[in-house]
Amino acid sequence: MLTGLFTACVAPVLEARAIGHLGKEKFGVLSSGEPIMSLPVGLLLLGEVPGWFVAAGVLIIVVAIVANTAELDRPLLRYLGRLE
């Protein structure tokens, strides 16, 4: 029940506050990397061993993040280094 309450009520409020604090561009870059962070969590906490398709998915996400930040005319490392 607590998981459902958090997912339905608390998470959207925290995301809205993060967008207000970071701005939509920075929040978009950070939130698009969220599936990548589930990989070590699944491996360490759940014992799930990722297959080749997971590696392909991570690669696609990383390429999309790099392409997005390049489209914004900001090199990725410099852009992410300015996140506070």
C-alpha atoms as a PDB file:
ATOM      1  CA  MET A   1       0.000   0.000   0.000  1.00  0.00           C
ATOM      2  CA  LEU A   2       2.842   2.380   0.800  1.00  0.00           C
ATOM      3  CA  THR A   3       4.420   1.689  -2.578  1.00  0.00           C
ATOM      4  CA  GLY A   4       1.192   2.587  -4.339  1.00  0.00           C
ATOM      5  CA  LEU A   5       0.795   5.729  -2.274  1.00  0.00           C
ATOM      6  CA  PHE A   6       4.349   6.829  -2.996  1.00  0.00           C
ATOM      7  CA  THR A   7       4.047   6.107  -6.720  1.00  0.00           C
ATOM      8  CA  ALA A   8       0.714   7.865  -7.108  1.00  0.00           C
ATOM      9  CA  CYS A   9       1.141  10.845  -4.788  1.00  0.00           C
ATOM     10  CA  VAL A  10       4.659  11.571  -3.627  1.00  0.00           C
ATOM     11  CA  ALA A  11       6.725  10.847  -6.759  1.00  0.00           C
ATOM     12  CA  PRO A  12       4.860  13.283  -9.058  1.00  0.00           C
ATOM     13  CA  VAL A  13       5.165  16.052  -6.471  1.00  0.00           C
ATOM     14  CA  LEU A  14       8.910  15.454  -6.131  1.00  0.00           C
ATOM     15  CA  GLU A  15       9.324  15.408  -9.916  1.00  0.00           C
ATOM     16  CA  ALA A  16       7.450  18.698 -10.273  1.00  0.00           C
ATOM     17  CA  ARG A  17       9.663  20.285  -7.626  1.00  0.00           C
ATOM     18  CA  ALA A  18      12.770  18.950  -9.367  1.00  0.00           C
ATOM     19  CA  ILE A  19      11.650  20.438 -12.692  1.00  0.00           C
ATOM     20  CA  GLY A  20      11.112  23.774 -10.965  1.00  0.00           C
ATOM     21  CA  HIS A  21      14.531  23.621  -9.322  1.00  0.00           C
ATOM     22  CA  LEU A  22      16.641  22.220 -12.185  1.00  0.00           C
ATOM     23  CA  GLY A  23      14.762  23.433 -15.228  1.00  0.00           C
ATOM     24  CA  LYS A  24      13.219  21.257 -17.894  1.00  0.00           C
ATOM     25  CA  GLU A  25      16.398  20.656 -19.921  1.00  0.00           C
ATOM     26  CA  LYS A  26      18.509  19.408 -17.014  1.00  0.00           C
ATOM     27  CA  PHE A  27      15.636  17.389 -15.595  1.00  0.00           C
ATOM     28  CA  GLY A  28      15.066  15.759 -18.979  1.00  0.00           C
ATOM     29  CA  VAL A  29      18.693  14.693 -19.238  1.00  0.00           C
ATOM     30  CA  LEU A  30      18.733  13.319 -15.702  1.00  0.00           C
ATOM     31  CA  SER A  31      15.412  11.505 -15.962  1.00  0.00           C
ATOM     32  CA  SER A  32      16.337   9.877 -19.268  1.00  0.00           C
ATOM     33  CA  GLY A  33      19.200   8.151 -17.479  1.00  0.00           C
ATOM     34  CA  GLU A  34      16.846   6.622 -14.931  1.00  0.00           C
ATOM     35  CA  PRO A  35      16.584   3.211 -16.694  1.00  0.00           C
ATOM     36  CA  ILE A  36      20.372   2.962 -16.655  1.00  0.00           C
ATOM     37  CA  MET A  37      20.361   3.263 -12.861  1.00  0.00           C
ATOM     38  CA  SER A  38      17.956   0.338 -12.567  1.00  0.00           C
ATOM     39  CA  LEU A  39      20.664  -1.954 -13.963  1.00  0.00           C
ATOM     40  CA  PRO A  40      22.991  -1.917 -10.914  1.00  0.00           C
ATOM     41  CA  VAL A  41      20.026  -1.930  -8.543  1.00  0.00           C
ATOM     42  CA  GLY A  42      18.620  -5.046 -10.195  1.00  0.00           C
ATOM     43  CA  LEU A  43      22.026  -6.682 -10.220  1.00  0.00           C
ATOM     44  CA  LEU A  44      22.971  -5.884  -6.618  1.00  0.00           C
ATOM     45  CA  LEU A  45      19.629  -6.096  -4.843  1.00  0.00           C
ATOM     46  CA  LEU A  46      17.698  -8.616  -6.907  1.00  0.00           C
ATOM     47  CA  GLY A  47      20.489 -10.740  -8.343  1.00  0.00           C
ATOM     48  CA  GLU A  48      19.288 -10.228 -11.916  1.00  0.00           C
ATOM     49  CA  VAL A  49      21.967 -10.844 -14.520  1.00  0.00           C
ATOM     50  CA  PRO A  50      21.415  -8.581 -17.530  1.00  0.00           C
ATOM     51  CA  GLY A  51      21.483 -10.018 -21.033  1.00  0.00           C
ATOM     52  CA  TRP A  52      22.778  -8.566 -24.271  1.00  0.00           C
ATOM     53  CA  PHE A  53      19.488  -6.770 -24.902  1.00  0.00           C
ATOM     54  CA  VAL A  54      19.921  -4.789 -21.689  1.00  0.00           C
ATOM     55  CA  ALA A  55      23.381  -3.688 -22.796  1.00  0.00           C
ATOM     56  CA  ALA A  56      21.902  -2.663 -26.148  1.00  0.00           C
ATOM     57  CA  GLY A  57      19.188  -0.676 -24.369  1.00  0.00           C
ATOM     58  CA  VAL A  58      21.728   1.106 -22.182  1.00  0.00           C
ATOM     59  CA  LEU A  59      23.779   1.949 -25.271  1.00  0.00           C
ATOM     60  CA  ILE A  60      20.708   3.366 -27.028  1.00  0.00           C
ATOM     61  CA  ILE A  61      19.867   5.521 -24.002  1.00  0.00           C
ATOM     62  CA  VAL A  62      23.435   6.829 -23.702  1.00  0.00           C
ATOM     63  CA  VAL A  63      23.530   7.685 -27.413  1.00  0.00           C
ATOM     64  CA  ALA A  64      20.189   9.484 -27.082  1.00  0.00           C
ATOM     65  CA  ILE A  65      21.436  11.511 -24.102  1.00  0.00           C
ATOM     66  CA  VAL A  66      24.623  12.485 -25.939  1.00  0.00           C
ATOM     67  CA  ALA A  67      22.680  13.381 -29.087  1.00  0.00           C
ATOM     68  CA  ASN A  68      20.202  15.436 -27.083  1.00  0.00           C
ATOM     69  CA  THR A  69      22.856  17.443 -25.298  1.00  0.00           C
ATOM     70  CA  ALA A  70      24.823  17.900 -28.533  1.00  0.00           C
ATOM     71  CA  GLU A  71      21.644  19.216 -30.157  1.00  0.00           C
ATOM     72  CA  LEU A  72      21.457  21.763 -27.353  1.00  0.00           C
ATOM     73  CA  ASP A  73      24.938  22.901 -28.466  1.00  0.00           C
ATOM     74  CA  ARG A  74      26.497  21.847 -25.179  1.00  0.00           C
ATOM     75  CA  PRO A  75      29.150  19.139 -24.857  1.00  0.00           C
ATOM     76  CA  LEU A  76      27.890  16.426 -22.540  1.00  0.00           C
ATOM     77  CA  LEU A  77      30.614  16.540 -19.895  1.00  0.00           C
ATOM     78  CA  ARG A  78      30.596  20.315 -19.617  1.00  0.00           C
ATOM     79  CA  TYR A  79      26.788  20.316 -19.479  1.00  0.00           C
ATOM     80  CA  LEU A  80      26.564  17.623 -16.811  1.00  0.00           C
ATOM     81  CA  GLY A  81      29.404  19.247 -14.879  1.00  0.00           C
ATOM     82  CA  ARG A  82      27.292  22.366 -14.460  1.00  0.00           C
ATOM     83  CA  LEU A  83      24.430  20.469 -12.836  1.00  0.00           C
ATOM     84  CA  GLU A  84      24.221  21.503  -9.224  1.00  0.00           C
END
